[in-house]
Amino acid sequence: MARSLSSIIEKKAEWLPEHTFVRYPGPDWETNGYRTITWRQYADAINKAAYWLDGQLGKSTDNDTIAYIGPPDPRYSIILPAAIKTNRKLLIPDGRVTKEGVKSLINETKCTVWLDPHENDSLTQELGIQDTGLPKPIYHTNGYYSTMASFNLSSRIHWTRGVAPCPPQWLGGLVAYIFFPVFLNTSSILPTNVSGLPPALFKKILQRNPVDGICCPPHTIHQLYNDIETHPLLKSLQCIIYLGAALDQNIGDDLWEHTKLTSIIGSTENGPQLDLLPTDKRLWHTHDYVPENGYHMVHIPNSGPKQDGSGDFYELVLERQSDVNGDPSIYQCAFWNPMYNGLNTIETKELYAPVKDIDGRTRWVFSARKDDLTKLSWLAKFHAQDIEIRIKKHPDILNVFVGGEGRPAPFVIVEPKESVLDTKGAEALLDELYESVVAQANKADIKEIRIPKETVLVAKREKAFKMSGKQTFLRKEIEKDYMEEIEAAYERL
């Protein structure tokens, strides 16, 4: 059954009043970004326009025709529903129609009123009413427009199909195995009983399935990206969703130019945090969570590396948004978790830094966990991952582990790639690393924090870094394994 345009707008204004109806460029958009019209504002504008039409033209008793032509802005969005609400037809001439053609349309539709956004318009003044026998009007009915409601059904029929290599023991795996198909009508393509998604397996899956996208940990993307055969296959996907950890910046910067790249961030306790995509695709690694999530970014004083506080971070905090019956909101996964019964606020311990999108909206860069902040003995703080990322860019390095909680300076343990130590000695590698990479990391951080050469170590083959199933560091375990070497390093200072 067709639903009227006006009733749908009114429902959205009632139930989604602050949601964006449209964003449009004002005269200062190049400096101040786009402007937003919410559903409530849109409905109010339509009602005011309808009131104005009846006040200026009187009540329409015969489905009168009015015409409008103006600049490409939201006034078109307002005038059409306003005309419908006042029992009028709206004539919108095609901009390519000649003056003679416009005259013909006015005659054909018995249009007696021309609405113009300018005080004086030469075209309006020059138009005379006469029969020319030129263009014929095309009438659109509500039923015509209401067929767009079928797009939802079409999207389900032709929904994207994605590879989901996360094991069902993870929440990310259960989502693909059960919840996405049940609640979102997606089609998940599950790999064989193999840990991860090796390049050879990925190729076979794509050969046997119509795959549109992939949802996986960053480690899997790294493997596929660095394989000569799966590299182009990865770029050919319509979408790539990574979850569980950060994606290498250089890899992401390349992939976003070929496919839609986004992440699902969250936790087993709090569930996923649904993201809005950035206007500037180069901000693929940033986040702007949907407002229904009830999120707030709370400033954490003295959390950043700079002493003046200019680089401080913000913690993601979730606020309960109960429904009219007092039950948790259907948009807030976290508050359905029994562990949060009686709580109205959840501090996620996730720290973010703000960044501006080109449309003026603030997005957020995940920086670290609150409990991962490393504090030196003299109270200076740093995030180990920042240093790890810089040093890992060296072509001979597989992994980098940085620590130093309660120490006078950070320590660094580098894990060389296979066979590197066969061609370079450990000391030669350390000298090269320190001069080319570590020294640069020192320059990038605040001047008080320096990594001494004495606390830069090479990992031992028999002590490979212990990793989680998501290929993230088990930091406490690694530090425990290397405690003897770490203590010896600080004794050399």
Protein backbone atom coordinates (compact mmCIF):
# COMPACT_ATOMS: atom_id res chain seq x y z
CA MET A 1 0.00 0.00 0.00
CA ALA A 2 1.40 3.38 -1.00
CA ARG A 3 2.24 5.78 1.83
CA SER A 4 1.86 9.49 1.25
CA LEU A 5 4.96 11.63 1.09
CA SER A 6 3.63 13.99 3.75
CA SER A 7 2.86 11.24 6.27
CA ILE A 8 6.34 9.74 5.95
CA ILE A 9 7.97 13.14 6.52
CA GLU A 10 5.77 13.80 9.55
CA LYS A 11 6.61 10.42 11.05
CA LYS A 12 10.31 11.02 10.61
CA ALA A 13 9.98 14.45 12.18
CA GLU A 14 8.17 12.87 15.12
CA TRP A 15 10.46 9.91 15.70
CA LEU A 16 13.76 11.09 14.23
CA PRO A 17 13.60 14.85 14.80
CA GLU A 18 17.34 15.51 15.05
CA HIS A 19 18.39 13.14 12.28
CA THR A 20 19.79 14.71 9.16
CA PHE A 21 17.37 15.13 6.28
CA VAL A 22 19.89 16.83 4.03
CA ARG A 23 23.24 18.58 4.19
CA TYR A 24 23.75 21.43 1.79
CA PRO A 25 26.45 24.00 0.93
CA GLY A 26 25.87 27.52 2.14
CA PRO A 27 27.68 30.49 0.60
CA ASP A 28 30.62 29.91 2.98
CA TRP A 29 30.84 26.13 2.59
CA GLU A 30 34.47 26.18 1.44
CA THR A 31 35.55 27.58 4.80
CA ASN A 32 32.80 26.44 7.18
CA GLY A 33 31.64 23.21 5.57
CA TYR A 34 28.13 22.07 4.79
CA ARG A 35 24.96 22.90 6.71
CA THR A 36 22.39 20.43 8.00
CA ILE A 37 18.60 20.34 7.86
CA THR A 38 17.08 17.88 10.33
CA TRP A 39 13.78 16.10 9.83
CA ARG A 40 12.11 18.40 12.37
CA GLN A 41 13.40 21.50 10.60
CA TYR A 42 12.32 20.09 7.27
CA ALA A 43 8.77 19.38 8.45
CA ASP A 44 8.53 22.84 10.05
CA ALA A 45 9.70 24.50 6.84
CA ILE A 46 7.08 22.61 4.83
CA ASN A 47 4.30 23.62 7.22
CA LYS A 48 5.37 27.27 7.10
CA ALA A 49 5.51 27.19 3.30
CA ALA A 50 2.07 25.59 3.14
CA TYR A 51 0.65 28.24 5.48
CA TRP A 52 2.25 30.94 3.34
CA LEU A 53 0.78 29.49 0.12
CA ASP A 54 -2.75 29.43 1.51
CA GLY A 55 -2.30 32.89 2.97
CA GLN A 56 -1.05 34.36 -0.29
CA LEU A 57 -3.17 32.42 -2.78
CA GLY A 58 -6.20 31.35 -0.80
CA LYS A 59 -7.40 27.79 -0.34
CA SER A 60 -7.02 25.54 -3.38
CA THR A 61 -10.34 23.95 -4.31
CA ASP A 62 -9.49 22.45 -7.69
CA ASN A 63 -5.99 21.06 -7.29
CA ASP A 64 -4.56 24.29 -8.70
CA THR A 65 -1.17 24.31 -10.42
CA ILE A 66 1.69 26.51 -9.30
CA ALA A 67 5.15 26.67 -10.87
CA TYR A 68 8.59 27.09 -9.37
CA ILE A 69 12.08 27.39 -10.78
CA GLY A 70 15.12 28.56 -8.84
CA PRO A 71 18.69 27.75 -7.86
CA PRO A 72 19.55 24.15 -6.91
CA ASP A 73 19.02 24.34 -3.16
CA PRO A 74 16.68 22.85 -0.51
CA ARG A 75 13.80 25.10 -1.51
CA TYR A 76 12.88 22.49 -4.08
CA SER A 77 12.62 19.95 -1.26
CA ILE A 78 10.27 22.23 0.66
CA ILE A 79 7.96 23.59 -2.01
CA LEU A 80 6.84 20.22 -3.44
CA PRO A 81 5.49 18.76 -0.15
CA ALA A 82 4.02 22.17 0.72
CA ALA A 83 2.12 22.20 -2.57
CA ILE A 84 0.82 18.68 -1.92
CA LYS A 85 -0.33 19.59 1.61
CA THR A 86 -2.35 22.53 0.23
CA ASN A 87 -4.00 20.45 -2.51
CA ARG A 88 -1.90 21.91 -5.30
CA LYS A 89 0.10 20.55 -8.19
CA LEU A 90 3.66 21.80 -8.64
CA LEU A 91 5.02 22.46 -12.11
CA ILE A 92 8.82 22.27 -12.23
CA PRO A 93 9.98 23.12 -15.76
CA ASP A 94 13.08 21.38 -16.99
CA GLY A 95 15.91 23.88 -17.09
CA ARG A 96 16.64 22.91 -20.68
CA VAL A 97 13.17 23.91 -21.91
CA THR A 98 13.01 27.05 -24.04
CA LYS A 99 10.89 30.06 -23.14
CA GLU A 100 8.36 28.94 -25.72
CA GLY A 101 8.30 25.50 -24.16
CA VAL A 102 7.70 26.93 -20.69
CA LYS A 103 4.78 28.95 -22.04
CA SER A 104 3.34 25.77 -23.51
CA LEU A 105 3.60 23.94 -20.19
CA ILE A 106 1.93 26.78 -18.35
CA ASN A 107 -0.99 26.69 -20.77
CA GLU A 108 -1.26 22.90 -20.67
CA THR A 109 -1.32 22.68 -16.87
CA LYS A 110 -3.50 25.77 -16.43
CA CYS A 111 -0.85 27.23 -14.18
CA THR A 112 -1.81 30.65 -12.87
CA VAL A 113 0.96 31.29 -10.30
CA TRP A 114 4.72 31.37 -10.77
CA LEU A 115 6.87 31.28 -7.63
CA ASP A 116 10.26 32.87 -8.05
CA PRO A 117 13.06 33.20 -5.45
CA HIS A 118 14.20 36.55 -6.86
CA GLU A 119 12.44 39.89 -6.48
CA ASN A 120 12.63 40.61 -10.20
CA ASP A 121 12.99 37.86 -12.76
CA SER A 122 13.29 38.62 -16.46
CA LEU A 123 12.09 35.17 -17.52
CA THR A 124 8.88 35.48 -15.50
CA GLN A 125 8.20 38.95 -16.85
CA GLU A 126 8.75 37.89 -20.45
CA LEU A 127 6.45 34.87 -20.31
CA GLY A 128 3.14 35.35 -22.07
CA ILE A 129 0.27 32.90 -21.93
CA GLN A 130 -0.43 31.47 -25.37
CA ASP A 131 -0.89 28.18 -27.13
CA THR A 132 2.29 26.93 -28.78
CA GLY A 133 1.70 23.19 -28.96
CA LEU A 134 5.21 22.45 -27.76
CA PRO A 135 6.16 20.23 -24.75
CA LYS A 136 3.60 18.20 -22.84
CA PRO A 137 3.73 17.93 -19.04
CA ILE A 138 4.54 14.60 -17.39
CA TYR A 139 2.48 13.97 -14.26
CA HIS A 140 3.93 12.15 -11.29
CA THR A 141 1.58 10.73 -8.67
CA ASN A 142 2.19 9.68 -5.09
CA GLY A 143 2.08 6.07 -6.24
CA TYR A 144 4.95 6.79 -8.59
CA TYR A 145 7.18 8.05 -5.82
CA SER A 146 6.05 5.46 -3.28
CA THR A 147 7.54 2.67 -5.40
CA MET A 148 10.88 3.82 -4.01
CA ALA A 149 9.89 2.00 -0.83
CA SER A 150 10.61 -1.20 -2.74
CA PHE A 151 14.31 -0.31 -2.76
CA ASN A 152 14.60 -1.87 0.69
CA LEU A 153 13.29 -5.15 -0.66
CA SER A 154 15.58 -4.90 -3.66
CA SER A 155 18.60 -4.34 -1.47
CA ARG A 156 17.79 -7.52 0.45
CA ILE A 157 17.43 -9.52 -2.72
CA HIS A 158 20.75 -8.21 -4.04
CA TRP A 159 22.48 -7.79 -0.66
CA THR A 160 26.26 -7.79 -0.53
CA ARG A 161 27.98 -11.07 0.23
CA GLY A 162 31.15 -11.00 2.24
CA VAL A 163 33.86 -13.35 3.42
CA ALA A 164 33.98 -13.59 7.23
CA PRO A 165 37.09 -15.48 8.37
CA CYS A 166 36.65 -14.73 12.09
CA PRO A 167 36.18 -17.93 14.11
CA PRO A 168 32.80 -18.35 15.86
CA GLN A 169 34.54 -18.27 19.21
CA TRP A 170 34.91 -14.53 18.73
CA LEU A 171 32.03 -12.11 18.86
CA GLY A 172 33.05 -11.02 15.37
CA GLY A 173 32.63 -14.62 14.24
CA LEU A 174 29.22 -15.07 15.87
CA VAL A 175 28.07 -11.88 14.20
CA ALA A 176 28.92 -13.35 10.80
CA TYR A 177 27.66 -16.83 11.61
CA ILE A 178 24.32 -15.83 13.15
CA PHE A 179 23.45 -12.19 13.80
CA PHE A 180 24.19 -10.52 10.47
CA PRO A 181 22.18 -13.09 8.49
CA VAL A 182 19.30 -13.12 11.03
CA PHE A 183 18.97 -9.41 11.71
CA LEU A 184 20.52 -7.73 8.66
CA ASN A 185 19.64 -10.21 5.90
CA THR A 186 23.22 -10.41 4.72
CA SER A 187 24.96 -13.44 3.28
CA SER A 188 28.17 -14.49 5.02
CA ILE A 189 30.69 -16.68 3.24
CA LEU A 190 32.52 -18.75 5.81
CA PRO A 191 35.99 -20.18 5.11
CA THR A 192 37.09 -23.74 5.67
CA ASN A 193 38.39 -24.96 9.01
CA VAL A 194 41.71 -23.14 8.68
CA SER A 195 43.15 -20.60 11.06
CA GLY A 196 42.91 -17.15 9.50
CA LEU A 197 42.54 -16.69 5.77
CA PRO A 198 45.80 -17.55 3.98
CA PRO A 199 46.19 -16.09 0.48
CA ALA A 200 45.80 -19.47 -1.24
CA LEU A 201 42.49 -20.09 0.56
CA PHE A 202 41.28 -16.59 -0.20
CA LYS A 203 41.87 -17.17 -3.92
CA LYS A 204 39.87 -20.38 -3.85
CA ILE A 205 36.96 -18.78 -2.02
CA LEU A 206 36.78 -16.00 -4.59
CA GLN A 207 36.88 -18.53 -7.41
CA ARG A 208 33.90 -20.38 -5.96
CA ASN A 209 31.74 -17.60 -4.56
CA PRO A 210 30.37 -14.22 -5.64
CA VAL A 211 32.21 -12.22 -2.96
CA ASP A 212 31.52 -8.51 -2.58
CA GLY A 213 33.50 -7.80 0.57
CA ILE A 214 35.48 -9.08 3.52
CA CYS A 215 35.18 -8.64 7.29
CA CYS A 216 38.32 -9.71 9.15
CA PRO A 217 41.14 -8.72 11.52
CA PRO A 218 43.86 -6.42 10.12
CA HIS A 219 46.39 -9.27 10.22
CA THR A 220 44.43 -11.05 7.47
CA ILE A 221 44.38 -7.90 5.35
CA HIS A 222 48.14 -7.51 5.81
CA GLN A 223 48.70 -11.07 4.55
CA LEU A 224 46.47 -10.67 1.51
CA TYR A 225 47.89 -7.25 0.68
CA ASN A 226 51.50 -8.44 0.78
CA ASP A 227 50.85 -11.49 -1.42
CA ILE A 228 51.50 -10.80 -5.10
CA GLU A 229 48.48 -12.83 -6.28
CA THR A 230 45.86 -11.74 -3.74
CA HIS A 231 46.90 -8.07 -3.70
CA PRO A 232 44.80 -7.16 -6.79
CA LEU A 233 41.94 -9.41 -5.62
CA LEU A 234 41.77 -7.51 -2.34
CA LYS A 235 41.54 -4.20 -4.18
CA SER A 236 38.76 -5.54 -6.42
CA LEU A 237 36.34 -6.03 -3.50
CA GLN A 238 33.47 -3.59 -3.06
CA CYS A 239 34.15 -3.21 0.66
CA ILE A 240 36.69 -4.17 3.31
CA ILE A 241 35.74 -4.15 7.00
CA TYR A 242 38.44 -4.68 9.59
CA LEU A 243 37.87 -5.28 13.27
CA GLY A 244 39.71 -6.03 16.49
CA ALA A 245 42.79 -3.84 15.94
CA ALA A 246 44.21 -0.97 13.88
CA LEU A 247 45.03 -1.42 10.19
CA ASP A 248 48.46 -0.43 8.91
CA GLN A 249 48.20 3.20 7.80
CA ASN A 250 50.15 2.74 4.55
CA ILE A 251 48.05 -0.26 3.51
CA GLY A 252 44.82 1.55 4.30
CA ASP A 253 45.94 4.68 2.45
CA ASP A 254 46.37 2.55 -0.66
CA LEU A 255 43.21 0.45 -0.31
CA TRP A 256 40.75 3.32 0.16
CA GLU A 257 41.52 4.52 -3.36
CA HIS A 258 40.15 1.25 -4.75
CA THR A 259 37.38 0.13 -2.40
CA LYS A 260 35.17 1.19 0.50
CA LEU A 261 37.24 0.76 3.66
CA THR A 262 35.81 0.91 7.17
CA SER A 263 36.05 -0.72 10.57
CA ILE A 264 33.83 -2.20 13.26
CA ILE A 265 35.22 -1.21 16.62
CA GLY A 266 33.88 -2.43 19.93
CA SER A 267 34.29 -5.17 22.50
CA THR A 268 32.67 -8.38 23.66
CA GLU A 269 31.18 -6.51 26.62
CA ASN A 270 29.97 -3.40 24.83
CA GLY A 271 29.24 -4.77 21.39
CA PRO A 272 30.01 -3.01 18.12
CA GLN A 273 29.96 0.76 17.76
CA LEU A 274 28.28 1.59 14.47
CA ASP A 275 30.20 4.13 12.40
CA LEU A 276 29.29 6.85 9.92
CA LEU A 277 31.59 6.95 6.91
CA PRO A 278 33.77 10.04 6.45
CA THR A 279 33.19 12.57 3.69
CA ASP A 280 36.93 12.65 3.11
CA LYS A 281 37.82 9.03 2.33
CA ARG A 282 41.38 9.68 3.45
CA LEU A 283 39.98 9.60 6.98
CA TRP A 284 39.10 5.91 6.61
CA HIS A 285 40.83 5.17 9.94
CA THR A 286 38.70 7.63 11.94
CA HIS A 287 35.33 7.23 13.65
CA ASP A 288 32.05 9.10 13.97
CA TYR A 289 29.61 6.90 15.84
CA VAL A 290 25.87 7.03 15.22
CA PRO A 291 24.08 9.27 17.76
CA GLU A 292 21.68 6.48 18.74
CA ASN A 293 24.69 4.83 20.34
CA GLY A 294 24.47 7.41 23.14
CA TYR A 295 28.18 8.12 23.00
CA HIS A 296 30.08 11.06 24.44
CA MET A 297 33.76 11.92 24.18
CA VAL A 298 35.03 12.96 27.62
CA HIS A 299 38.26 14.93 27.92
CA ILE A 300 40.93 13.18 30.01
CA PRO A 301 43.28 15.84 31.47
CA ASN A 302 47.02 15.17 31.23
CA SER A 303 46.46 12.07 29.10
CA GLY A 304 48.55 13.17 26.14
CA PRO A 305 52.32 13.30 25.66
CA LYS A 306 52.51 17.11 25.65
CA GLN A 307 52.99 18.93 28.93
CA ASP A 308 50.66 21.80 27.96
CA GLY A 309 47.73 19.41 27.50
CA SER A 310 47.19 20.34 23.84
CA GLY A 311 47.54 16.71 22.82
CA ASP A 312 45.19 15.29 25.45
CA PHE A 313 42.87 12.43 24.56
CA TYR A 314 39.15 11.83 24.99
CA GLU A 315 37.53 8.70 26.38
CA LEU A 316 34.54 7.11 24.68
CA VAL A 317 31.73 7.02 27.26
CA LEU A 318 28.31 5.44 26.65
CA GLU A 319 25.20 6.93 28.27
CA ARG A 320 22.07 4.82 28.75
CA GLN A 321 19.22 5.79 26.43
CA SER A 322 16.19 3.92 27.81
CA ASP A 323 12.92 3.61 25.90
CA VAL A 324 9.51 4.75 27.20
CA ASN A 325 9.14 1.51 29.18
CA GLY A 326 12.51 1.90 30.86
CA ASP A 327 14.07 -0.90 28.83
CA PRO A 328 17.48 -0.42 27.18
CA SER A 329 17.42 1.22 23.78
CA ILE A 330 17.33 -1.10 20.78
CA TYR A 331 20.37 0.80 19.48
CA GLN A 332 22.54 0.19 22.53
CA CYS A 333 23.97 -3.30 22.64
CA ALA A 334 26.05 -2.62 25.76
CA PHE A 335 23.15 -1.89 28.11
CA TRP A 336 21.51 -5.21 27.31
CA ASN A 337 24.55 -6.86 28.93
CA PRO A 338 23.54 -7.96 32.50
CA MET A 339 26.92 -6.84 33.81
CA TYR A 340 25.78 -3.25 33.35
CA ASN A 341 22.45 -3.59 35.17
CA GLY A 342 21.89 -0.50 37.29
CA LEU A 343 24.56 1.51 35.48
CA ASN A 344 23.72 4.53 33.37
CA THR A 345 27.27 5.24 32.20
CA ILE A 346 29.94 2.96 30.74
CA GLU A 347 33.54 4.16 30.56
CA THR A 348 35.04 2.15 27.71
CA LYS A 349 38.70 3.06 28.48
CA GLU A 350 39.16 3.74 24.75
CA LEU A 351 41.09 6.96 24.07
CA TYR A 352 40.61 9.06 20.93
CA ALA A 353 42.08 12.20 19.38
CA PRO A 354 39.83 14.65 17.47
CA VAL A 355 40.24 15.44 13.78
CA LYS A 356 38.10 17.51 11.37
CA ASP A 357 36.46 16.09 8.26
CA ILE A 358 36.18 18.32 5.19
CA ASP A 359 32.47 18.84 5.93
CA GLY A 360 33.32 20.34 9.32
CA ARG A 361 32.25 17.37 11.43
CA THR A 362 34.55 16.14 14.18
CA ARG A 363 35.76 12.59 13.75
CA TRP A 364 37.87 10.58 16.17
CA VAL A 365 41.13 8.69 15.80
CA PHE A 366 41.45 5.71 18.13
CA SER A 367 44.79 6.20 19.87
CA ALA A 368 45.10 3.69 22.70
CA ARG A 369 43.35 2.15 25.64
CA LYS A 370 43.32 4.11 28.86
CA ASP A 371 45.01 1.23 30.68
CA ASP A 372 47.72 0.98 27.97
CA LEU A 373 49.10 4.45 28.66
CA THR A 374 52.75 4.04 29.67
CA LYS A 375 53.94 6.31 32.47
CA LEU A 376 57.66 6.69 33.12
CA SER A 377 59.12 6.96 36.61
CA TRP A 378 59.17 10.76 36.41
CA LEU A 379 55.46 10.86 35.34
CA ALA A 380 55.95 11.58 31.64
CA LYS A 381 53.44 9.56 29.57
CA PHE A 382 53.51 8.06 26.09
CA HIS A 383 51.65 5.52 23.99
CA ALA A 384 53.82 2.58 23.08
CA GLN A 385 51.91 1.92 19.85
CA ASP A 386 52.92 5.29 18.41
CA ILE A 387 56.61 4.40 18.67
CA GLU A 388 56.01 0.81 17.54
CA ILE A 389 54.34 1.96 14.33
CA ARG A 390 57.23 4.27 13.42
CA ILE A 391 59.97 1.71 14.02
CA LYS A 392 58.05 -1.09 12.31
CA LYS A 393 58.29 0.78 9.01
CA HIS A 394 61.92 -0.35 8.70
CA PRO A 395 62.04 -3.05 5.96
CA ASP A 396 64.01 -5.51 8.13
CA ILE A 397 61.58 -5.44 11.06
CA LEU A 398 58.66 -7.83 11.55
CA ASN A 399 57.41 -6.61 14.94
CA VAL A 400 58.28 -4.00 17.56
CA PHE A 401 57.44 -4.07 21.25
CA VAL A 402 57.80 -0.92 23.38
CA GLY A 403 57.40 -0.61 27.14
CA GLY A 404 58.80 1.22 30.14
CA GLU A 405 56.12 1.55 32.83
CA GLY A 406 57.80 2.99 35.94
CA ARG A 407 61.19 3.15 34.19
CA PRO A 408 63.32 6.24 33.52
CA ALA A 409 63.07 5.77 29.73
CA PRO A 410 61.25 3.53 27.24
CA PHE A 411 62.69 0.22 26.08
CA VAL A 412 62.33 -1.25 22.59
CA ILE A 413 62.51 -4.89 21.51
CA VAL A 414 62.64 -5.46 17.74
CA GLU A 415 61.81 -8.75 16.08
CA PRO A 416 63.67 -9.00 12.74
CA LYS A 417 62.17 -10.63 9.70
CA GLU A 418 63.25 -14.15 8.86
CA SER A 419 66.89 -14.51 7.70
CA VAL A 420 67.75 -10.84 8.43
CA LEU A 421 70.19 -11.82 11.18
CA ASP A 422 71.81 -14.32 8.81
CA THR A 423 73.06 -11.45 6.66
CA LYS A 424 73.37 -8.78 9.35
CA GLY A 425 74.69 -9.23 12.83
CA ALA A 426 72.54 -8.13 15.75
CA GLU A 427 74.84 -5.23 16.58
CA ALA A 428 74.94 -4.02 12.98
CA LEU A 429 71.15 -4.18 12.80
CA LEU A 430 70.81 -2.22 16.05
CA ASP A 431 73.22 0.46 14.83
CA GLU A 432 71.31 0.82 11.58
CA LEU A 433 67.94 0.88 13.32
CA TYR A 434 68.97 3.42 15.89
CA GLU A 435 70.41 5.86 13.39
CA SER A 436 67.69 5.55 10.74
CA VAL A 437 64.51 4.93 12.74
CA VAL A 438 64.82 5.25 16.52
CA ALA A 439 66.54 8.61 16.32
CA GLN A 440 63.70 9.85 14.11
CA ALA A 441 61.17 8.56 16.64
CA ASN A 442 63.01 10.52 19.31
CA LYS A 443 62.65 13.69 17.25
CA ALA A 444 58.94 13.07 16.71
CA ASP A 445 58.15 12.79 20.43
CA ILE A 446 58.40 15.45 23.10
CA LYS A 447 61.97 16.35 23.90
CA GLU A 448 61.91 14.95 27.45
CA ILE A 449 61.21 11.40 26.24
CA ARG A 450 64.21 9.80 24.57
CA ILE A 451 64.94 6.17 23.78
CA PRO A 452 68.54 5.43 24.78
CA LYS A 453 70.50 3.12 22.52
CA GLU A 454 71.19 0.91 25.56
CA THR A 455 67.48 0.01 25.87
CA VAL A 456 67.01 -1.08 22.25
CA LEU A 457 67.14 -4.88 22.06
CA VAL A 458 66.87 -7.58 19.39
CA ALA A 459 64.35 -10.34 20.07
CA LYS A 460 65.60 -13.90 20.37
CA ARG A 461 64.40 -16.56 17.96
CA GLU A 462 63.45 -18.85 20.82
CA LYS A 463 61.34 -16.05 22.37
CA ALA A 464 58.91 -15.10 19.63
CA PHE A 465 56.42 -12.43 20.71
CA LYS A 466 53.26 -13.97 22.13
CA MET A 467 50.18 -12.85 20.23
CA SER A 468 46.43 -13.07 20.75
CA GLY A 469 44.07 -14.70 18.28
CA LYS A 470 43.61 -11.27 16.69
CA GLN A 471 47.38 -10.98 16.24
CA THR A 472 47.74 -8.26 18.89
CA PHE A 473 50.48 -8.30 21.53
CA LEU A 474 50.04 -10.12 24.83
CA ARG A 475 52.04 -7.34 26.44
CA LYS A 476 52.36 -8.68 29.96
CA GLU A 477 53.49 -12.07 28.66
CA ILE A 478 56.11 -10.54 26.35
CA GLU A 479 57.52 -8.33 29.08
CA LYS A 480 57.66 -11.32 31.42
CA ASP A 481 59.56 -13.38 28.81
CA TYR A 482 62.16 -10.63 28.37
CA MET A 483 62.41 -9.42 31.96
CA GLU A 484 66.03 -10.53 32.34
CA GLU A 485 67.15 -8.71 29.16
CA ILE A 486 65.16 -5.59 30.11
CA GLU A 487 66.72 -5.38 33.57
CA ALA A 488 70.20 -5.78 32.10
CA ALA A 489 69.52 -2.98 29.62
CA TYR A 490 68.59 -0.49 32.33
CA GLU A 491 71.67 -1.43 34.34
CA ARG A 492 73.77 -0.24 31.38
CA LEU A 493 72.33 3.28 31.56
